[in-house]
Amino acid sequence: MFFLSSFVILIIVLDQFIKYLVVNNMFLGESIPVIPHLLHLTYILNPGAAFGILENQRFFFILIAVILIFAIVYFYSKIIKLNKLFQLGIAMLFSGAIGNMIDRIFIGKVVDYIDFRIWPIFNLADIAIVCGCIIIIYELLFITDKGTNS
């Protein structure tokens, strides 16, 4: 479990560090081409969730993150008995939720910056949330040996 704890901390710190760099070195709305016409760093503030849904529901999203944190702490003794991939999915979901919750608490909106031009702009915490959810869904649907730690 040490690896997963370190992984969670790494994702949260890296997410917040990148957001700090974006906020302190870019103007809101500024876009810097990394790979022209494909990948840009674009600084926006997202008042909602994925694709901007549920815009300006800050308290709701903070509440959901807090509930998720308490649920993971409460079920920790059961989570450490799950297989490693399931634990990784939960750790990714957990770290991403905390990363975006920090933004909502201190900024009021989520800092997004990864811009592929054909997809809404997102951040590292969003990547962690999506990957964590995919792993959890995969584990729930396709892995039959859910109770053992492999």
N, C-alpha and C. Protein backbone atom coordinates (compact mmCIF):
# COMPACT_ATOMS: atom_id res chain seq x y z
N MET A 1 0.82 -1.20 0.00
CA MET A 1 0.00 0.00 0.00
C MET A 1 0.87 1.26 0.00
N PHE A 2 2.14 1.13 0.40
CA PHE A 2 3.05 2.29 0.38
C PHE A 2 3.14 2.87 -1.02
N PHE A 3 3.25 1.99 -2.03
CA PHE A 3 3.34 2.46 -3.41
C PHE A 3 2.12 3.29 -3.78
N LEU A 4 0.93 2.80 -3.44
CA LEU A 4 -0.29 3.53 -3.80
C LEU A 4 -0.40 4.85 -3.06
N SER A 5 -0.01 4.88 -1.80
CA SER A 5 -0.02 6.14 -1.05
C SER A 5 0.92 7.15 -1.69
N SER A 6 2.10 6.68 -2.07
CA SER A 6 3.07 7.56 -2.74
C SER A 6 2.55 8.01 -4.09
N PHE A 7 1.88 7.10 -4.80
CA PHE A 7 1.31 7.42 -6.11
C PHE A 7 0.25 8.51 -5.98
N VAL A 8 -0.63 8.38 -4.99
CA VAL A 8 -1.68 9.38 -4.75
C VAL A 8 -1.04 10.74 -4.48
N ILE A 9 -0.06 10.78 -3.60
CA ILE A 9 0.61 12.04 -3.27
C ILE A 9 1.29 12.61 -4.50
N LEU A 10 1.96 11.77 -5.29
CA LEU A 10 2.64 12.23 -6.51
C LEU A 10 1.65 12.87 -7.48
N ILE A 11 0.52 12.22 -7.72
CA ILE A 11 -0.47 12.76 -8.66
C ILE A 11 -1.01 14.10 -8.16
N ILE A 12 -1.35 14.18 -6.88
CA ILE A 12 -1.89 15.43 -6.33
C ILE A 12 -0.85 16.56 -6.42
N VAL A 13 0.38 16.28 -6.01
CA VAL A 13 1.43 17.30 -6.03
C VAL A 13 1.75 17.72 -7.47
N LEU A 14 1.88 16.76 -8.37
CA LEU A 14 2.18 17.09 -9.77
C LEU A 14 1.04 17.89 -10.39
N ASP A 15 -0.19 17.48 -10.13
CA ASP A 15 -1.36 18.21 -10.64
C ASP A 15 -1.35 19.66 -10.15
N GLN A 16 -1.16 19.85 -8.85
CA GLN A 16 -1.18 21.19 -8.29
C GLN A 16 0.02 22.02 -8.74
N PHE A 17 1.18 21.38 -8.93
CA PHE A 17 2.37 22.10 -9.39
C PHE A 17 2.17 22.61 -10.82
N ILE A 18 1.65 21.74 -11.69
CA ILE A 18 1.41 22.16 -13.08
C ILE A 18 0.39 23.30 -13.11
N LYS A 19 -0.68 23.16 -12.33
CA LYS A 19 -1.70 24.23 -12.28
C LYS A 19 -1.09 25.52 -11.75
N TYR A 20 -0.22 25.43 -10.76
CA TYR A 20 0.47 26.61 -10.23
C TYR A 20 1.28 27.30 -11.33
N LEU A 21 2.02 26.49 -12.10
CA LEU A 21 2.81 27.06 -13.20
C LEU A 21 1.92 27.73 -14.24
N VAL A 22 0.82 27.10 -14.59
CA VAL A 22 -0.10 27.65 -15.58
C VAL A 22 -0.68 28.98 -15.07
N VAL A 23 -1.21 28.98 -13.85
CA VAL A 23 -1.85 30.18 -13.30
C VAL A 23 -0.87 31.33 -13.16
N ASN A 24 0.39 31.03 -12.82
CA ASN A 24 1.37 32.09 -12.56
C ASN A 24 2.21 32.48 -13.76
N ASN A 25 2.06 31.78 -14.89
CA ASN A 25 2.88 32.09 -16.06
C ASN A 25 2.06 32.32 -17.33
N MET A 26 0.74 32.19 -17.23
CA MET A 26 -0.10 32.38 -18.41
C MET A 26 -1.25 33.32 -18.06
N PHE A 27 -1.77 33.97 -19.07
CA PHE A 27 -2.97 34.78 -18.91
C PHE A 27 -4.18 33.88 -19.14
N LEU A 28 -5.26 34.14 -18.42
CA LEU A 28 -6.48 33.37 -18.62
C LEU A 28 -6.90 33.46 -20.09
N GLY A 29 -7.09 32.32 -20.71
CA GLY A 29 -7.45 32.26 -22.13
C GLY A 29 -6.25 32.12 -23.06
N GLU A 30 -5.05 32.33 -22.53
CA GLU A 30 -3.85 32.21 -23.36
C GLU A 30 -3.64 30.77 -23.79
N SER A 31 -3.15 30.59 -25.02
CA SER A 31 -2.90 29.27 -25.57
C SER A 31 -1.51 29.23 -26.19
N ILE A 32 -0.71 28.26 -25.77
CA ILE A 32 0.66 28.12 -26.26
C ILE A 32 0.77 26.80 -27.02
N PRO A 33 1.11 26.85 -28.31
CA PRO A 33 1.23 25.61 -29.07
C PRO A 33 2.43 24.78 -28.59
N VAL A 34 2.20 23.53 -28.29
CA VAL A 34 3.28 22.59 -27.98
C VAL A 34 3.59 21.81 -29.25
N ILE A 35 2.54 21.28 -29.87
CA ILE A 35 2.59 20.69 -31.21
C ILE A 35 1.50 21.41 -32.00
N PRO A 36 1.90 22.38 -32.83
CA PRO A 36 0.90 23.22 -33.51
C PRO A 36 -0.23 22.41 -34.15
N HIS A 37 -1.44 22.91 -33.97
CA HIS A 37 -2.68 22.34 -34.50
C HIS A 37 -3.05 20.99 -33.87
N LEU A 38 -2.29 20.54 -32.89
CA LEU A 38 -2.59 19.26 -32.24
C LEU A 38 -2.68 19.40 -30.73
N LEU A 39 -1.59 19.88 -30.11
CA LEU A 39 -1.55 19.98 -28.65
C LEU A 39 -1.12 21.38 -28.24
N HIS A 40 -1.97 22.02 -27.44
CA HIS A 40 -1.67 23.35 -26.92
C HIS A 40 -1.82 23.33 -25.40
N LEU A 41 -1.13 24.23 -24.74
CA LEU A 41 -1.40 24.53 -23.34
C LEU A 41 -2.32 25.74 -23.36
N THR A 42 -3.53 25.56 -22.89
CA THR A 42 -4.52 26.63 -22.90
C THR A 42 -5.08 26.77 -21.50
N TYR A 43 -4.94 27.95 -20.93
CA TYR A 43 -5.36 28.20 -19.56
C TYR A 43 -6.81 28.66 -19.52
N ILE A 44 -7.66 27.80 -18.93
CA ILE A 44 -9.05 28.17 -18.70
C ILE A 44 -9.44 27.80 -17.27
N LEU A 45 -10.53 28.38 -16.81
CA LEU A 45 -11.11 28.00 -15.52
C LEU A 45 -12.45 27.35 -15.80
N ASN A 46 -12.59 26.11 -15.38
CA ASN A 46 -13.80 25.34 -15.64
C ASN A 46 -14.70 25.40 -14.41
N PRO A 47 -15.90 26.00 -14.54
CA PRO A 47 -16.81 26.10 -13.40
C PRO A 47 -17.66 24.85 -13.18
N GLY A 48 -17.48 23.83 -14.03
CA GLY A 48 -18.30 22.63 -13.92
C GLY A 48 -17.46 21.37 -13.86
N ALA A 49 -18.04 20.28 -14.33
CA ALA A 49 -17.34 19.00 -14.37
C ALA A 49 -16.90 18.76 -15.81
N ALA A 50 -16.77 17.52 -16.20
CA ALA A 50 -16.35 17.18 -17.56
C ALA A 50 -17.26 17.88 -18.57
N PHE A 51 -16.66 18.46 -19.58
CA PHE A 51 -17.36 19.18 -20.65
C PHE A 51 -18.15 20.38 -20.10
N GLY A 52 -17.81 20.82 -18.88
CA GLY A 52 -18.47 21.98 -18.29
C GLY A 52 -19.88 21.70 -17.77
N ILE A 53 -20.27 20.41 -17.66
CA ILE A 53 -21.62 20.12 -17.18
C ILE A 53 -21.77 20.51 -15.71
N LEU A 54 -22.98 20.77 -15.31
CA LEU A 54 -23.31 21.22 -13.96
C LEU A 54 -22.48 22.45 -13.57
N GLU A 55 -22.45 23.38 -14.49
CA GLU A 55 -21.68 24.61 -14.30
C GLU A 55 -22.08 25.33 -13.02
N ASN A 56 -21.08 25.83 -12.33
CA ASN A 56 -21.23 26.63 -11.10
C ASN A 56 -21.89 25.87 -9.95
N GLN A 57 -21.68 24.58 -9.89
CA GLN A 57 -22.18 23.75 -8.78
C GLN A 57 -21.01 23.40 -7.85
N ARG A 58 -20.25 24.42 -7.48
CA ARG A 58 -19.03 24.26 -6.69
C ARG A 58 -19.27 23.45 -5.42
N PHE A 59 -20.26 23.82 -4.62
CA PHE A 59 -20.52 23.12 -3.36
C PHE A 59 -20.83 21.65 -3.61
N PHE A 60 -21.62 21.36 -4.64
CA PHE A 60 -21.97 19.98 -4.97
C PHE A 60 -20.72 19.15 -5.25
N PHE A 61 -19.80 19.69 -6.06
CA PHE A 61 -18.59 18.94 -6.41
C PHE A 61 -17.66 18.77 -5.22
N ILE A 62 -17.57 19.77 -4.38
CA ILE A 62 -16.77 19.65 -3.16
C ILE A 62 -17.38 18.59 -2.25
N LEU A 63 -18.70 18.60 -2.11
CA LEU A 63 -19.39 17.61 -1.29
C LEU A 63 -19.16 16.19 -1.81
N ILE A 64 -19.26 16.00 -3.11
CA ILE A 64 -19.01 14.67 -3.71
C ILE A 64 -17.58 14.22 -3.42
N ALA A 65 -16.62 15.11 -3.56
CA ALA A 65 -15.22 14.76 -3.29
C ALA A 65 -15.02 14.39 -1.82
N VAL A 66 -15.63 15.14 -0.93
CA VAL A 66 -15.51 14.86 0.51
C VAL A 66 -16.14 13.50 0.83
N ILE A 67 -17.30 13.22 0.25
CA ILE A 67 -17.95 11.92 0.46
C ILE A 67 -17.06 10.79 -0.06
N LEU A 68 -16.45 10.99 -1.23
CA LEU A 68 -15.54 9.99 -1.79
C LEU A 68 -14.35 9.76 -0.86
N ILE A 69 -13.78 10.82 -0.34
CA ILE A 69 -12.63 10.71 0.57
C ILE A 69 -13.04 9.92 1.81
N PHE A 70 -14.16 10.27 2.42
CA PHE A 70 -14.61 9.56 3.62
C PHE A 70 -14.92 8.10 3.31
N ALA A 71 -15.51 7.82 2.15
CA ALA A 71 -15.83 6.43 1.78
C ALA A 71 -14.56 5.61 1.63
N ILE A 72 -13.54 6.18 1.00
CA ILE A 72 -12.29 5.45 0.81
C ILE A 72 -11.60 5.22 2.15
N VAL A 73 -11.61 6.21 3.03
CA VAL A 73 -11.02 6.03 4.36
C VAL A 73 -11.82 4.98 5.15
N TYR A 74 -13.14 5.06 5.09
CA TYR A 74 -14.00 4.13 5.82
C TYR A 74 -13.80 2.68 5.35
N PHE A 75 -13.70 2.49 4.03
CA PHE A 75 -13.57 1.15 3.46
C PHE A 75 -12.12 0.74 3.22
N TYR A 76 -11.18 1.48 3.77
CA TYR A 76 -9.75 1.22 3.54
C TYR A 76 -9.37 -0.24 3.83
N SER A 77 -9.87 -0.79 4.94
CA SER A 77 -9.51 -2.17 5.30
C SER A 77 -10.00 -3.17 4.26
N LYS A 78 -11.06 -2.86 3.55
CA LYS A 78 -11.56 -3.73 2.47
C LYS A 78 -10.80 -3.46 1.17
N ILE A 79 -10.47 -2.21 0.94
CA ILE A 79 -9.76 -1.84 -0.30
C ILE A 79 -8.39 -2.51 -0.37
N ILE A 80 -7.67 -2.57 0.76
CA ILE A 80 -6.33 -3.16 0.72
C ILE A 80 -6.37 -4.66 0.48
N LYS A 81 -7.54 -5.27 0.54
CA LYS A 81 -7.68 -6.70 0.25
C LYS A 81 -8.01 -6.96 -1.22
N LEU A 82 -8.32 -5.90 -1.97
CA LEU A 82 -8.62 -6.04 -3.39
C LEU A 82 -7.33 -6.25 -4.17
N ASN A 83 -7.47 -6.69 -5.42
CA ASN A 83 -6.25 -6.87 -6.22
C ASN A 83 -5.61 -5.52 -6.54
N LYS A 84 -4.36 -5.57 -6.93
CA LYS A 84 -3.55 -4.35 -7.11
C LYS A 84 -4.13 -3.41 -8.17
N LEU A 85 -4.66 -3.95 -9.25
CA LEU A 85 -5.21 -3.10 -10.30
C LEU A 85 -6.43 -2.34 -9.80
N PHE A 86 -7.29 -3.01 -9.06
CA PHE A 86 -8.46 -2.35 -8.48
C PHE A 86 -8.00 -1.25 -7.53
N GLN A 87 -7.01 -1.53 -6.70
CA GLN A 87 -6.47 -0.52 -5.79
C GLN A 87 -5.91 0.68 -6.55
N LEU A 88 -5.24 0.41 -7.67
CA LEU A 88 -4.70 1.49 -8.49
C LEU A 88 -5.83 2.37 -9.03
N GLY A 89 -6.90 1.75 -9.50
CA GLY A 89 -8.04 2.52 -10.00
C GLY A 89 -8.62 3.42 -8.93
N ILE A 90 -8.79 2.88 -7.73
CA ILE A 90 -9.32 3.68 -6.63
C ILE A 90 -8.35 4.81 -6.28
N ALA A 91 -7.06 4.52 -6.27
CA ALA A 91 -6.05 5.55 -5.96
C ALA A 91 -6.07 6.66 -7.00
N MET A 92 -6.25 6.32 -8.27
CA MET A 92 -6.28 7.34 -9.32
C MET A 92 -7.54 8.21 -9.19
N LEU A 93 -8.68 7.57 -8.97
CA LEU A 93 -9.92 8.32 -8.78
C LEU A 93 -9.79 9.26 -7.58
N PHE A 94 -9.26 8.74 -6.50
CA PHE A 94 -9.07 9.49 -5.25
C PHE A 94 -8.16 10.70 -5.47
N SER A 95 -7.01 10.49 -6.11
CA SER A 95 -6.05 11.59 -6.29
C SER A 95 -6.59 12.66 -7.24
N GLY A 96 -7.27 12.24 -8.29
CA GLY A 96 -7.85 13.22 -9.21
C GLY A 96 -8.95 14.04 -8.56
N ALA A 97 -9.79 13.37 -7.77
CA ALA A 97 -10.86 14.08 -7.07
C ALA A 97 -10.30 15.11 -6.10
N ILE A 98 -9.24 14.74 -5.40
CA ILE A 98 -8.62 15.69 -4.46
C ILE A 98 -7.98 16.85 -5.21
N GLY A 99 -7.29 16.56 -6.32
CA GLY A 99 -6.66 17.62 -7.10
C GLY A 99 -7.65 18.67 -7.56
N ASN A 100 -8.79 18.23 -8.09
CA ASN A 100 -9.80 19.19 -8.56
C ASN A 100 -10.54 19.84 -7.39
N MET A 101 -10.71 19.11 -6.29
CA MET A 101 -11.37 19.68 -5.11
C MET A 101 -10.54 20.84 -4.55
N ILE A 102 -9.23 20.70 -4.55
CA ILE A 102 -8.35 21.78 -4.07
C ILE A 102 -8.60 23.05 -4.88
N ASP A 103 -8.70 22.91 -6.20
CA ASP A 103 -8.99 24.08 -7.05
C ASP A 103 -10.33 24.70 -6.69
N ARG A 104 -11.34 23.86 -6.54
CA ARG A 104 -12.68 24.38 -6.24
C ARG A 104 -12.72 25.12 -4.91
N ILE A 105 -11.97 24.61 -3.93
CA ILE A 105 -11.96 25.25 -2.61
C ILE A 105 -11.22 26.58 -2.66
N PHE A 106 -10.04 26.61 -3.28
CA PHE A 106 -9.19 27.80 -3.22
C PHE A 106 -9.36 28.78 -4.37
N ILE A 107 -9.82 28.30 -5.52
CA ILE A 107 -9.97 29.18 -6.68
C ILE A 107 -11.45 29.38 -7.03
N GLY A 108 -12.25 28.39 -6.71
CA GLY A 108 -13.67 28.46 -7.04
C GLY A 108 -14.03 27.73 -8.32
N LYS A 109 -13.03 27.46 -9.13
CA LYS A 109 -13.19 26.74 -10.40
C LYS A 109 -11.97 25.84 -10.58
N VAL A 110 -12.03 24.95 -11.56
CA VAL A 110 -10.92 24.03 -11.81
C VAL A 110 -10.05 24.58 -12.93
N VAL A 111 -8.74 24.58 -12.70
CA VAL A 111 -7.77 25.03 -13.70
C VAL A 111 -7.57 23.88 -14.71
N ASP A 112 -7.86 24.17 -15.97
CA ASP A 112 -7.63 23.21 -17.06
C ASP A 112 -6.61 23.79 -18.02
N TYR A 113 -5.85 22.92 -18.69
CA TYR A 113 -4.77 23.42 -19.52
C TYR A 113 -4.37 22.51 -20.69
N ILE A 114 -4.74 21.25 -20.70
CA ILE A 114 -4.36 20.34 -21.80
C ILE A 114 -5.41 20.47 -22.89
N ASP A 115 -4.96 20.92 -24.06
CA ASP A 115 -5.87 21.26 -25.15
C ASP A 115 -5.45 20.54 -26.43
N PHE A 116 -6.24 19.52 -26.81
CA PHE A 116 -5.98 18.78 -28.05
C PHE A 116 -6.76 19.35 -29.24
N ARG A 117 -7.44 20.45 -29.03
CA ARG A 117 -8.17 21.18 -30.07
C ARG A 117 -9.42 20.47 -30.58
N ILE A 118 -9.52 19.16 -30.43
CA ILE A 118 -10.70 18.43 -30.89
C ILE A 118 -11.48 17.88 -29.70
N TRP A 119 -11.07 18.26 -28.50
CA TRP A 119 -11.66 17.75 -27.26
C TRP A 119 -11.69 18.89 -26.26
N PRO A 120 -12.63 18.90 -25.34
CA PRO A 120 -12.61 19.95 -24.31
C PRO A 120 -11.29 19.95 -23.52
N ILE A 121 -10.90 21.10 -23.06
CA ILE A 121 -9.64 21.26 -22.32
C ILE A 121 -9.76 20.58 -20.96
N PHE A 122 -8.68 19.92 -20.53
CA PHE A 122 -8.71 19.15 -19.28
C PHE A 122 -7.38 19.28 -18.55
N ASN A 123 -7.18 18.51 -17.47
CA ASN A 123 -5.95 18.60 -16.67
C ASN A 123 -5.52 17.21 -16.20
N LEU A 124 -4.43 17.14 -15.46
CA LEU A 124 -3.90 15.86 -14.98
C LEU A 124 -4.87 15.17 -14.02
N ALA A 125 -5.53 15.92 -13.16
CA ALA A 125 -6.50 15.33 -12.24
C ALA A 125 -7.64 14.66 -13.03
N ASP A 126 -8.08 15.29 -14.11
CA ASP A 126 -9.12 14.70 -14.95
C ASP A 126 -8.66 13.38 -15.55
N ILE A 127 -7.40 13.34 -15.99
CA ILE A 127 -6.84 12.10 -16.55
C ILE A 127 -6.87 11.00 -15.49
N ALA A 128 -6.47 11.35 -14.27
CA ALA A 128 -6.45 10.37 -13.18
C ALA A 128 -7.86 9.86 -12.89
N ILE A 129 -8.84 10.76 -12.87
CA ILE A 129 -10.22 10.37 -12.60
C ILE A 129 -10.73 9.42 -13.68
N VAL A 130 -10.54 9.78 -14.94
CA VAL A 130 -11.04 8.96 -16.04
C VAL A 130 -10.35 7.60 -16.06
N CYS A 131 -9.03 7.58 -15.94
CA CYS A 131 -8.30 6.30 -15.94
C CYS A 131 -8.71 5.46 -14.73
N GLY A 132 -8.85 6.07 -13.58
CA GLY A 132 -9.29 5.34 -12.39
C GLY A 132 -10.66 4.73 -12.58
N CYS A 133 -11.59 5.49 -13.16
CA CYS A 133 -12.94 4.97 -13.41
C CYS A 133 -12.92 3.82 -14.41
N ILE A 134 -12.12 3.94 -15.45
CA ILE A 134 -12.01 2.87 -16.45
C ILE A 134 -11.49 1.59 -15.79
N ILE A 135 -10.46 1.72 -14.97
CA ILE A 135 -9.90 0.54 -14.28
C ILE A 135 -10.94 -0.07 -13.34
N ILE A 136 -11.63 0.75 -12.58
CA ILE A 136 -12.64 0.25 -11.65
C ILE A 136 -13.77 -0.46 -12.40
N ILE A 137 -14.25 0.14 -13.47
CA ILE A 137 -15.32 -0.49 -14.27
C ILE A 137 -14.83 -1.80 -14.87
N TYR A 138 -13.62 -1.80 -15.41
CA TYR A 138 -13.05 -3.04 -15.96
C TYR A 138 -13.00 -4.13 -14.89
N GLU A 139 -12.51 -3.78 -13.73
CA GLU A 139 -12.41 -4.74 -12.63
C GLU A 139 -13.79 -5.27 -12.23
N LEU A 140 -14.75 -4.39 -12.14
CA LEU A 140 -16.10 -4.80 -11.75
C LEU A 140 -16.77 -5.68 -12.80
N LEU A 141 -16.52 -5.40 -14.07
CA LEU A 141 -17.18 -6.14 -15.14
C LEU A 141 -16.48 -7.43 -15.56
N PHE A 142 -15.15 -7.42 -15.55
CA PHE A 142 -14.43 -8.53 -16.17
C PHE A 142 -13.56 -9.38 -15.26
N ILE A 143 -13.25 -8.92 -14.10
CA ILE A 143 -12.38 -9.68 -13.20
C ILE A 143 -13.27 -10.40 -12.19
N THR A 144 -13.19 -11.72 -12.19
CA THR A 144 -14.05 -12.50 -11.30
C THR A 144 -13.48 -12.67 -9.91
N ASP A 145 -12.17 -12.58 -9.78
CA ASP A 145 -11.51 -12.80 -8.48
C ASP A 145 -11.30 -11.47 -7.78
N LYS A 146 -12.40 -10.81 -7.41
CA LYS A 146 -12.33 -9.46 -6.83
C LYS A 146 -11.80 -9.43 -5.41
N GLY A 147 -11.90 -10.53 -4.69
CA GLY A 147 -11.58 -10.50 -3.27
C GLY A 147 -10.16 -10.81 -2.93
N THR A 148 -9.32 -11.18 -3.88
CA THR A 148 -7.94 -11.53 -3.53
C THR A 148 -6.98 -10.45 -3.92
N ASN A 149 -5.91 -10.40 -3.23
CA ASN A 149 -4.88 -9.39 -3.47
C ASN A 149 -3.77 -10.03 -4.29
N SER A 150 -3.75 -9.73 -5.59
CA SER A 150 -2.75 -10.33 -6.47
C SER A 150 -1.69 -9.35 -6.89
